[in-house]
N, C-alpha and C. Protein backbone atom coordinates (compact mmCIF):
# COMPACT_ATOMS: atom_id res chain seq x y z
N MET A 1 11.82 -9.12 -11.81
CA MET A 1 11.28 -8.09 -10.97
C MET A 1 12.32 -7.69 -9.93
N LYS A 2 12.49 -6.39 -9.76
CA LYS A 2 13.46 -5.86 -8.82
C LYS A 2 12.73 -5.37 -7.57
N ILE A 3 13.24 -5.76 -6.39
CA ILE A 3 12.67 -5.32 -5.12
C ILE A 3 13.69 -4.41 -4.44
N GLU A 4 13.22 -3.22 -4.02
CA GLU A 4 14.08 -2.24 -3.36
C GLU A 4 13.50 -1.89 -1.99
N LEU A 5 14.35 -1.27 -1.17
CA LEU A 5 13.95 -0.85 0.16
C LEU A 5 14.42 0.58 0.40
N LEU A 6 13.52 1.42 0.90
CA LEU A 6 13.84 2.80 1.24
C LEU A 6 13.29 3.11 2.62
N ARG A 7 13.93 4.05 3.29
CA ARG A 7 13.36 4.59 4.52
C ARG A 7 13.02 6.04 4.25
N GLY A 8 11.77 6.43 4.51
CA GLY A 8 11.40 7.81 4.27
C GLY A 8 9.92 7.99 4.02
N ASP A 9 9.61 9.00 3.25
CA ASP A 9 8.26 9.46 2.98
C ASP A 9 7.79 8.92 1.63
N ILE A 10 6.79 8.06 1.64
CA ILE A 10 6.30 7.43 0.41
C ILE A 10 5.75 8.45 -0.59
N THR A 11 5.31 9.61 -0.11
CA THR A 11 4.74 10.61 -1.02
C THR A 11 5.79 11.22 -1.94
N LEU A 12 7.06 11.00 -1.64
CA LEU A 12 8.15 11.57 -2.43
C LEU A 12 8.85 10.54 -3.33
N VAL A 13 8.44 9.30 -3.27
CA VAL A 13 9.12 8.23 -4.00
C VAL A 13 8.77 8.31 -5.49
N PRO A 14 9.80 8.31 -6.36
CA PRO A 14 9.56 8.42 -7.80
C PRO A 14 9.22 7.08 -8.46
N THR A 15 8.02 6.59 -8.19
CA THR A 15 7.50 5.40 -8.86
C THR A 15 6.24 5.81 -9.62
N ILE A 16 5.78 4.97 -10.50
CA ILE A 16 4.56 5.27 -11.26
C ILE A 16 3.34 5.27 -10.32
N ALA A 17 3.34 4.34 -9.36
CA ALA A 17 2.23 4.27 -8.39
C ALA A 17 2.79 4.13 -6.98
N ILE A 18 2.03 4.68 -6.04
CA ILE A 18 2.29 4.41 -4.63
C ILE A 18 1.03 3.80 -4.04
N VAL A 19 1.21 3.01 -3.00
CA VAL A 19 0.07 2.37 -2.35
C VAL A 19 -0.26 3.13 -1.08
N ASN A 20 -1.53 3.37 -0.88
CA ASN A 20 -2.03 4.02 0.32
C ASN A 20 -2.64 2.98 1.24
N ALA A 21 -2.20 2.96 2.49
CA ALA A 21 -2.84 2.14 3.52
C ALA A 21 -4.06 2.92 3.99
N ALA A 22 -5.15 2.76 3.25
CA ALA A 22 -6.35 3.57 3.44
C ALA A 22 -7.27 2.97 4.49
N ASN A 23 -8.31 3.72 4.82
CA ASN A 23 -9.40 3.14 5.60
C ASN A 23 -10.56 2.92 4.64
N SER A 24 -11.56 2.19 5.07
CA SER A 24 -12.62 1.77 4.15
C SER A 24 -13.45 2.94 3.63
N SER A 25 -13.42 4.08 4.31
CA SER A 25 -14.18 5.24 3.83
C SER A 25 -13.51 5.92 2.64
N LEU A 26 -12.20 5.73 2.49
CA LEU A 26 -11.39 6.37 1.44
C LEU A 26 -11.32 7.89 1.59
N LEU A 27 -11.67 8.42 2.75
CA LEU A 27 -11.72 9.87 2.92
C LEU A 27 -10.51 10.44 3.64
N GLY A 28 -9.46 9.67 3.76
CA GLY A 28 -8.27 10.14 4.45
C GLY A 28 -8.34 9.79 5.92
N GLY A 29 -7.23 9.96 6.59
CA GLY A 29 -7.17 9.63 8.01
C GLY A 29 -5.81 10.00 8.55
N GLY A 30 -5.30 9.18 9.42
CA GLY A 30 -3.99 9.41 10.01
C GLY A 30 -2.91 8.65 9.27
N GLY A 31 -1.71 8.71 9.80
CA GLY A 31 -0.59 7.95 9.25
C GLY A 31 -0.34 8.21 7.79
N VAL A 32 -0.01 7.14 7.06
CA VAL A 32 0.31 7.26 5.64
C VAL A 32 -0.90 7.75 4.84
N ASP A 33 -2.08 7.36 5.25
CA ASP A 33 -3.30 7.77 4.56
C ASP A 33 -3.43 9.30 4.59
N GLY A 34 -3.29 9.88 5.75
CA GLY A 34 -3.36 11.34 5.87
C GLY A 34 -2.25 12.03 5.11
N ALA A 35 -1.04 11.47 5.17
CA ALA A 35 0.10 12.06 4.46
C ALA A 35 -0.14 12.07 2.95
N ILE A 36 -0.67 10.98 2.42
CA ILE A 36 -0.94 10.90 0.98
C ILE A 36 -2.04 11.88 0.57
N HIS A 37 -3.09 11.97 1.34
CA HIS A 37 -4.17 12.91 1.02
C HIS A 37 -3.67 14.36 1.09
N ARG A 38 -2.84 14.68 2.09
CA ARG A 38 -2.31 16.04 2.20
C ARG A 38 -1.37 16.36 1.03
N ALA A 39 -0.47 15.43 0.72
CA ALA A 39 0.51 15.67 -0.35
C ALA A 39 -0.14 15.69 -1.72
N GLY A 40 -1.14 14.85 -1.94
CA GLY A 40 -1.78 14.76 -3.25
C GLY A 40 -2.77 15.87 -3.53
N GLY A 41 -3.34 16.42 -2.47
CA GLY A 41 -4.31 17.50 -2.65
C GLY A 41 -5.73 17.01 -2.87
N LYS A 42 -6.61 17.96 -3.16
CA LYS A 42 -8.05 17.67 -3.22
C LYS A 42 -8.44 16.73 -4.35
N GLN A 43 -7.63 16.62 -5.38
CA GLN A 43 -7.96 15.74 -6.50
C GLN A 43 -8.14 14.29 -6.04
N ILE A 44 -7.28 13.84 -5.14
CA ILE A 44 -7.39 12.46 -4.64
C ILE A 44 -8.69 12.29 -3.87
N LEU A 45 -8.99 13.22 -2.99
CA LEU A 45 -10.23 13.13 -2.22
C LEU A 45 -11.45 13.13 -3.13
N GLU A 46 -11.45 13.98 -4.14
CA GLU A 46 -12.58 14.03 -5.08
C GLU A 46 -12.75 12.70 -5.80
N GLU A 47 -11.65 12.09 -6.24
CA GLU A 47 -11.73 10.79 -6.92
C GLU A 47 -12.18 9.70 -5.95
N CYS A 48 -11.71 9.77 -4.72
CA CYS A 48 -12.14 8.79 -3.71
C CYS A 48 -13.63 8.92 -3.43
N MET A 49 -14.14 10.15 -3.42
CA MET A 49 -15.57 10.37 -3.20
C MET A 49 -16.39 9.78 -4.35
N GLN A 50 -15.87 9.87 -5.58
CA GLN A 50 -16.55 9.26 -6.72
C GLN A 50 -16.60 7.74 -6.57
N ILE A 51 -15.48 7.16 -6.13
CA ILE A 51 -15.44 5.71 -5.91
C ILE A 51 -16.45 5.32 -4.83
N ARG A 52 -16.53 6.11 -3.77
CA ARG A 52 -17.50 5.85 -2.70
C ARG A 52 -18.93 5.87 -3.23
N GLN A 53 -19.22 6.81 -4.12
CA GLN A 53 -20.57 6.90 -4.69
C GLN A 53 -20.88 5.68 -5.54
N GLN A 54 -19.88 5.18 -6.26
CA GLN A 54 -20.07 4.04 -7.15
C GLN A 54 -20.09 2.71 -6.40
N ARG A 55 -19.17 2.58 -5.43
CA ARG A 55 -18.95 1.28 -4.78
C ARG A 55 -19.25 1.26 -3.30
N GLY A 56 -19.40 2.43 -2.70
CA GLY A 56 -19.63 2.48 -1.26
C GLY A 56 -18.36 2.37 -0.43
N GLY A 57 -17.21 2.66 -1.01
CA GLY A 57 -15.94 2.60 -0.27
C GLY A 57 -15.09 1.44 -0.74
N CYS A 58 -14.26 0.95 0.16
CA CYS A 58 -13.33 -0.12 -0.18
C CYS A 58 -13.26 -1.07 1.01
N LYS A 59 -13.48 -2.34 0.77
CA LYS A 59 -13.46 -3.34 1.84
C LYS A 59 -12.03 -3.76 2.16
N VAL A 60 -11.85 -4.32 3.34
CA VAL A 60 -10.55 -4.82 3.77
C VAL A 60 -10.03 -5.83 2.75
N GLY A 61 -8.79 -5.64 2.32
CA GLY A 61 -8.16 -6.54 1.35
C GLY A 61 -8.35 -6.13 -0.09
N GLU A 62 -9.29 -5.25 -0.36
CA GLU A 62 -9.53 -4.81 -1.73
C GLU A 62 -8.64 -3.62 -2.07
N ALA A 63 -8.62 -3.24 -3.34
CA ALA A 63 -7.81 -2.11 -3.79
C ALA A 63 -8.55 -1.34 -4.88
N VAL A 64 -8.39 -0.02 -4.86
CA VAL A 64 -8.95 0.87 -5.88
C VAL A 64 -7.85 1.85 -6.28
N ILE A 65 -8.03 2.50 -7.42
CA ILE A 65 -6.98 3.37 -7.94
C ILE A 65 -7.51 4.78 -8.22
N THR A 66 -6.66 5.77 -7.94
CA THR A 66 -6.95 7.16 -8.28
C THR A 66 -5.67 7.75 -8.87
N SER A 67 -5.78 8.97 -9.34
CA SER A 67 -4.57 9.71 -9.72
C SER A 67 -3.82 10.06 -8.44
N ALA A 68 -2.62 10.60 -8.60
CA ALA A 68 -1.78 10.94 -7.44
C ALA A 68 -1.78 12.44 -7.14
N GLY A 69 -2.57 13.20 -7.85
CA GLY A 69 -2.65 14.63 -7.56
C GLY A 69 -1.30 15.32 -7.70
N ASN A 70 -0.86 15.97 -6.65
CA ASN A 70 0.35 16.78 -6.67
C ASN A 70 1.64 16.01 -6.39
N MET A 71 1.57 14.71 -6.25
CA MET A 71 2.76 13.91 -5.92
C MET A 71 3.52 13.51 -7.18
N PRO A 72 4.78 13.08 -7.02
CA PRO A 72 5.58 12.65 -8.19
C PRO A 72 5.00 11.43 -8.91
N ALA A 73 4.33 10.54 -8.17
CA ALA A 73 3.71 9.36 -8.78
C ALA A 73 2.55 9.79 -9.67
N GLN A 74 2.13 8.88 -10.54
CA GLN A 74 0.96 9.15 -11.39
C GLN A 74 -0.33 8.62 -10.77
N TYR A 75 -0.20 7.55 -9.98
CA TYR A 75 -1.36 6.88 -9.42
C TYR A 75 -1.17 6.60 -7.93
N VAL A 76 -2.31 6.52 -7.24
CA VAL A 76 -2.35 6.00 -5.88
C VAL A 76 -3.28 4.79 -5.89
N ILE A 77 -2.77 3.68 -5.41
CA ILE A 77 -3.60 2.49 -5.24
C ILE A 77 -3.94 2.42 -3.76
N HIS A 78 -5.21 2.55 -3.45
CA HIS A 78 -5.69 2.56 -2.07
C HIS A 78 -6.11 1.15 -1.70
N THR A 79 -5.57 0.64 -0.61
CA THR A 79 -5.97 -0.68 -0.12
C THR A 79 -6.23 -0.57 1.37
N VAL A 80 -7.16 -1.36 1.85
CA VAL A 80 -7.55 -1.30 3.26
C VAL A 80 -7.01 -2.53 3.97
N GLY A 81 -6.08 -2.29 4.86
CA GLY A 81 -5.49 -3.38 5.63
C GLY A 81 -6.36 -3.76 6.82
N PRO A 82 -6.11 -4.94 7.35
CA PRO A 82 -6.90 -5.41 8.50
C PRO A 82 -6.38 -4.85 9.82
N HIS A 83 -7.30 -4.68 10.76
CA HIS A 83 -6.94 -4.40 12.15
C HIS A 83 -6.51 -5.73 12.77
N TRP A 84 -5.43 -5.72 13.54
CA TRP A 84 -4.96 -6.95 14.19
C TRP A 84 -5.91 -7.30 15.33
N ASN A 85 -6.38 -8.53 15.31
CA ASN A 85 -7.29 -9.03 16.34
C ASN A 85 -6.74 -10.33 16.91
N GLY A 86 -5.43 -10.35 17.15
CA GLY A 86 -4.81 -11.54 17.72
C GLY A 86 -4.72 -12.71 16.76
N GLY A 87 -4.96 -12.47 15.49
CA GLY A 87 -4.91 -13.54 14.49
C GLY A 87 -6.19 -14.34 14.40
N LYS A 88 -7.25 -13.87 15.03
CA LYS A 88 -8.51 -14.62 15.09
C LYS A 88 -9.48 -14.29 13.96
N SER A 89 -9.16 -13.28 13.16
CA SER A 89 -10.11 -12.79 12.15
C SER A 89 -9.54 -12.85 10.73
N ARG A 90 -8.74 -13.85 10.46
CA ARG A 90 -8.14 -14.06 9.13
C ARG A 90 -7.30 -12.87 8.69
N GLU A 91 -6.64 -12.20 9.65
CA GLU A 91 -5.85 -11.01 9.33
C GLU A 91 -4.71 -11.30 8.38
N ARG A 92 -4.05 -12.45 8.52
CA ARG A 92 -2.94 -12.79 7.63
C ARG A 92 -3.41 -12.86 6.18
N TYR A 93 -4.51 -13.55 5.97
CA TYR A 93 -5.10 -13.68 4.64
C TYR A 93 -5.50 -12.31 4.08
N LYS A 94 -6.14 -11.49 4.91
CA LYS A 94 -6.60 -10.18 4.47
C LYS A 94 -5.43 -9.27 4.11
N LEU A 95 -4.34 -9.32 4.89
CA LEU A 95 -3.18 -8.49 4.57
C LEU A 95 -2.54 -8.96 3.27
N ALA A 96 -2.43 -10.26 3.07
CA ALA A 96 -1.89 -10.77 1.80
C ALA A 96 -2.74 -10.30 0.62
N LYS A 97 -4.06 -10.28 0.80
CA LYS A 97 -4.95 -9.82 -0.28
C LYS A 97 -4.69 -8.34 -0.61
N CYS A 98 -4.32 -7.53 0.38
CA CYS A 98 -3.99 -6.13 0.11
C CYS A 98 -2.86 -6.04 -0.91
N TYR A 99 -1.80 -6.81 -0.68
CA TYR A 99 -0.65 -6.78 -1.59
C TYR A 99 -1.01 -7.40 -2.94
N GLN A 100 -1.70 -8.53 -2.92
CA GLN A 100 -2.07 -9.21 -4.16
C GLN A 100 -2.98 -8.35 -5.03
N ASN A 101 -4.00 -7.77 -4.42
CA ASN A 101 -4.95 -6.95 -5.18
C ASN A 101 -4.32 -5.64 -5.66
N SER A 102 -3.43 -5.06 -4.87
CA SER A 102 -2.73 -3.85 -5.30
C SER A 102 -1.84 -4.15 -6.51
N LEU A 103 -1.13 -5.27 -6.45
CA LEU A 103 -0.26 -5.65 -7.57
C LEU A 103 -1.07 -6.00 -8.81
N ALA A 104 -2.19 -6.68 -8.63
CA ALA A 104 -3.05 -7.03 -9.78
C ALA A 104 -3.59 -5.77 -10.45
N LEU A 105 -3.98 -4.78 -9.65
CA LEU A 105 -4.48 -3.52 -10.19
C LEU A 105 -3.35 -2.78 -10.92
N ALA A 106 -2.17 -2.77 -10.33
CA ALA A 106 -1.02 -2.14 -10.99
C ALA A 106 -0.73 -2.81 -12.32
N ASP A 107 -0.77 -4.12 -12.35
CA ASP A 107 -0.51 -4.84 -13.58
C ASP A 107 -1.59 -4.55 -14.63
N ALA A 108 -2.85 -4.48 -14.19
CA ALA A 108 -3.95 -4.18 -15.11
C ALA A 108 -3.79 -2.79 -15.73
N TYR A 109 -3.22 -1.86 -15.01
CA TYR A 109 -2.98 -0.51 -15.51
C TYR A 109 -1.61 -0.36 -16.19
N LYS A 110 -0.91 -1.48 -16.34
CA LYS A 110 0.41 -1.52 -16.99
C LYS A 110 1.41 -0.59 -16.28
N ILE A 111 1.35 -0.61 -14.96
CA ILE A 111 2.24 0.20 -14.14
C ILE A 111 3.54 -0.58 -13.93
N SER A 112 4.67 0.04 -14.23
CA SER A 112 5.95 -0.67 -14.17
C SER A 112 6.64 -0.58 -12.81
N SER A 113 6.28 0.43 -11.99
CA SER A 113 6.92 0.56 -10.68
C SER A 113 5.90 0.98 -9.64
N ILE A 114 6.04 0.41 -8.45
CA ILE A 114 5.07 0.63 -7.38
C ILE A 114 5.79 0.65 -6.04
N ALA A 115 5.34 1.53 -5.15
CA ALA A 115 5.90 1.64 -3.81
C ALA A 115 4.84 1.28 -2.77
N PHE A 116 5.22 0.44 -1.81
CA PHE A 116 4.32 0.02 -0.74
C PHE A 116 4.76 0.57 0.60
N PRO A 117 3.81 1.03 1.41
CA PRO A 117 4.13 1.33 2.81
C PRO A 117 4.02 0.03 3.61
N ASN A 118 4.20 0.12 4.90
CA ASN A 118 4.05 -1.04 5.78
C ASN A 118 2.58 -1.10 6.22
N ILE A 119 1.77 -1.74 5.42
CA ILE A 119 0.32 -1.77 5.61
C ILE A 119 -0.06 -2.42 6.94
N SER A 120 -0.93 -1.75 7.67
CA SER A 120 -1.54 -2.20 8.93
C SER A 120 -0.62 -2.23 10.14
N THR A 121 0.63 -1.79 10.02
CA THR A 121 1.55 -1.91 11.16
C THR A 121 1.54 -0.69 12.08
N GLY A 122 0.76 0.32 11.76
CA GLY A 122 0.65 1.50 12.62
C GLY A 122 -0.50 1.34 13.59
N ILE A 123 -1.51 2.19 13.44
CA ILE A 123 -2.63 2.18 14.38
C ILE A 123 -3.48 0.91 14.28
N TYR A 124 -3.32 0.12 13.21
CA TYR A 124 -4.05 -1.14 13.09
C TYR A 124 -3.36 -2.27 13.85
N ARG A 125 -2.14 -2.02 14.37
CA ARG A 125 -1.41 -2.88 15.31
C ARG A 125 -1.04 -4.27 14.79
N PHE A 126 -0.94 -4.44 13.48
CA PHE A 126 -0.51 -5.74 12.94
C PHE A 126 0.95 -5.93 13.36
N PRO A 127 1.34 -7.09 13.89
CA PRO A 127 2.74 -7.31 14.29
C PRO A 127 3.68 -7.08 13.10
N LYS A 128 4.67 -6.22 13.31
CA LYS A 128 5.53 -5.78 12.22
C LYS A 128 6.29 -6.92 11.57
N GLN A 129 6.80 -7.86 12.35
CA GLN A 129 7.56 -8.96 11.77
C GLN A 129 6.68 -9.84 10.88
N LEU A 130 5.50 -10.16 11.37
CA LEU A 130 4.56 -10.97 10.59
C LEU A 130 4.11 -10.22 9.34
N ALA A 131 3.85 -8.93 9.48
CA ALA A 131 3.43 -8.12 8.32
C ALA A 131 4.52 -8.08 7.26
N ALA A 132 5.78 -7.96 7.68
CA ALA A 132 6.89 -7.96 6.73
C ALA A 132 6.97 -9.29 5.99
N ASP A 133 6.82 -10.39 6.71
CA ASP A 133 6.85 -11.71 6.07
C ASP A 133 5.75 -11.83 5.02
N ILE A 134 4.55 -11.39 5.36
CA ILE A 134 3.41 -11.47 4.44
C ILE A 134 3.65 -10.58 3.22
N ALA A 135 4.13 -9.37 3.45
CA ALA A 135 4.37 -8.43 2.34
C ALA A 135 5.39 -9.00 1.37
N ILE A 136 6.51 -9.46 1.90
CA ILE A 136 7.59 -9.96 1.04
C ILE A 136 7.16 -11.22 0.30
N GLU A 137 6.49 -12.13 0.98
CA GLU A 137 6.03 -13.36 0.33
C GLU A 137 5.00 -13.04 -0.75
N SER A 138 4.09 -12.12 -0.47
CA SER A 138 3.05 -11.76 -1.45
C SER A 138 3.68 -11.17 -2.71
N VAL A 139 4.67 -10.33 -2.53
CA VAL A 139 5.34 -9.69 -3.67
C VAL A 139 6.16 -10.72 -4.45
N ARG A 140 6.92 -11.54 -3.75
CA ARG A 140 7.78 -12.52 -4.42
C ARG A 140 6.98 -13.59 -5.16
N SER A 141 5.79 -13.91 -4.69
CA SER A 141 5.00 -14.97 -5.32
C SER A 141 4.08 -14.44 -6.43
N ALA A 142 4.02 -13.14 -6.59
CA ALA A 142 3.14 -12.55 -7.61
C ALA A 142 3.65 -12.83 -9.02
N VAL A 143 2.73 -13.16 -9.89
CA VAL A 143 3.05 -13.35 -11.30
C VAL A 143 2.53 -12.10 -12.03
N LEU A 144 3.47 -11.31 -12.53
CA LEU A 144 3.12 -10.01 -13.09
C LEU A 144 3.68 -9.85 -14.49
N LYS A 145 2.94 -9.17 -15.35
CA LYS A 145 3.39 -8.91 -16.72
C LYS A 145 4.08 -7.56 -16.84
N HIS A 146 3.62 -6.57 -16.09
CA HIS A 146 4.08 -5.20 -16.31
C HIS A 146 4.89 -4.61 -15.16
N VAL A 147 4.63 -5.04 -13.94
CA VAL A 147 5.33 -4.50 -12.78
C VAL A 147 6.76 -5.06 -12.76
N GLU A 148 7.72 -4.15 -12.88
CA GLU A 148 9.13 -4.54 -12.93
C GLU A 148 9.90 -4.14 -11.68
N ARG A 149 9.39 -3.16 -10.96
CA ARG A 149 10.11 -2.62 -9.80
C ARG A 149 9.13 -2.40 -8.65
N ILE A 150 9.47 -2.98 -7.50
CA ILE A 150 8.66 -2.83 -6.29
C ILE A 150 9.55 -2.24 -5.21
N VAL A 151 9.06 -1.19 -4.56
CA VAL A 151 9.82 -0.52 -3.52
C VAL A 151 9.03 -0.60 -2.22
N PHE A 152 9.64 -1.16 -1.18
CA PHE A 152 9.06 -1.11 0.15
C PHE A 152 9.59 0.16 0.81
N VAL A 153 8.68 1.03 1.24
CA VAL A 153 9.07 2.30 1.85
C VAL A 153 8.69 2.25 3.33
N CYS A 154 9.71 2.27 4.18
CA CYS A 154 9.50 2.18 5.62
C CYS A 154 9.66 3.56 6.23
N PHE A 155 8.68 3.98 7.00
CA PHE A 155 8.73 5.28 7.65
C PHE A 155 9.53 5.20 8.95
N ASP A 156 9.47 4.04 9.62
CA ASP A 156 10.14 3.93 10.92
C ASP A 156 11.34 2.97 10.85
N ALA A 157 12.23 3.14 11.80
CA ALA A 157 13.48 2.36 11.83
C ALA A 157 13.23 0.87 12.07
N THR A 158 12.24 0.53 12.87
CA THR A 158 11.96 -0.88 13.17
C THR A 158 11.58 -1.64 11.91
N ASN A 159 10.62 -1.10 11.15
CA ASN A 159 10.22 -1.76 9.90
C ASN A 159 11.39 -1.80 8.92
N PHE A 160 12.15 -0.73 8.82
CA PHE A 160 13.28 -0.70 7.90
C PHE A 160 14.28 -1.81 8.24
N ALA A 161 14.61 -1.99 9.50
CA ALA A 161 15.55 -3.03 9.92
C ALA A 161 15.00 -4.42 9.61
N LEU A 162 13.70 -4.63 9.87
CA LEU A 162 13.06 -5.92 9.57
C LEU A 162 13.14 -6.26 8.08
N TYR A 163 12.76 -5.32 7.25
CA TYR A 163 12.77 -5.55 5.80
C TYR A 163 14.20 -5.74 5.28
N LYS A 164 15.11 -4.98 5.81
CA LYS A 164 16.51 -5.10 5.37
C LYS A 164 17.03 -6.50 5.65
N GLU A 165 16.72 -7.01 6.84
CA GLU A 165 17.14 -8.37 7.20
C GLU A 165 16.45 -9.42 6.33
N LYS A 166 15.14 -9.30 6.19
CA LYS A 166 14.36 -10.30 5.47
C LYS A 166 14.64 -10.30 3.97
N LEU A 167 14.92 -9.13 3.43
CA LEU A 167 15.26 -9.04 2.00
C LEU A 167 16.75 -9.29 1.74
N GLN A 168 17.51 -9.40 2.80
CA GLN A 168 18.95 -9.64 2.73
C GLN A 168 19.65 -8.57 1.91
N LEU A 169 19.36 -7.31 2.24
CA LEU A 169 19.96 -6.18 1.53
C LEU A 169 21.08 -5.58 2.38
């Protein structure tokens, strides 16, 4: 498995799937979630609404999949990261589950390449260094049959520098 690092806009990354740091409603929001919904168009929202009708949304740590609409990717894997609560609410475990469940879903769909944003490090206030450690460990420890390429896409310079150091790139 190859791990790569990019700085930029995840909606433009040429992978089979991209991961959305969604909220539990799956109806779009701010940050990467809003950017993905805007770039993908109404098809993503319509599919998310169908998932809501079937399942009632998406819980923290879980993952669901839709098409990618107008983006270069074929799929969007939506996962809901935890809000940071000082480490008192099993946030580390929940964030690891976001990566694990997203990768498991990608593998189930025989997706060979996937791009991850920095889940929960924006308005959910997860400490960036700890989030990077969890993301990298979750990816490196995953046992996958189909996923061959994983790309961490950092929108901001702080996350990019952290990942570059931790991945030794």
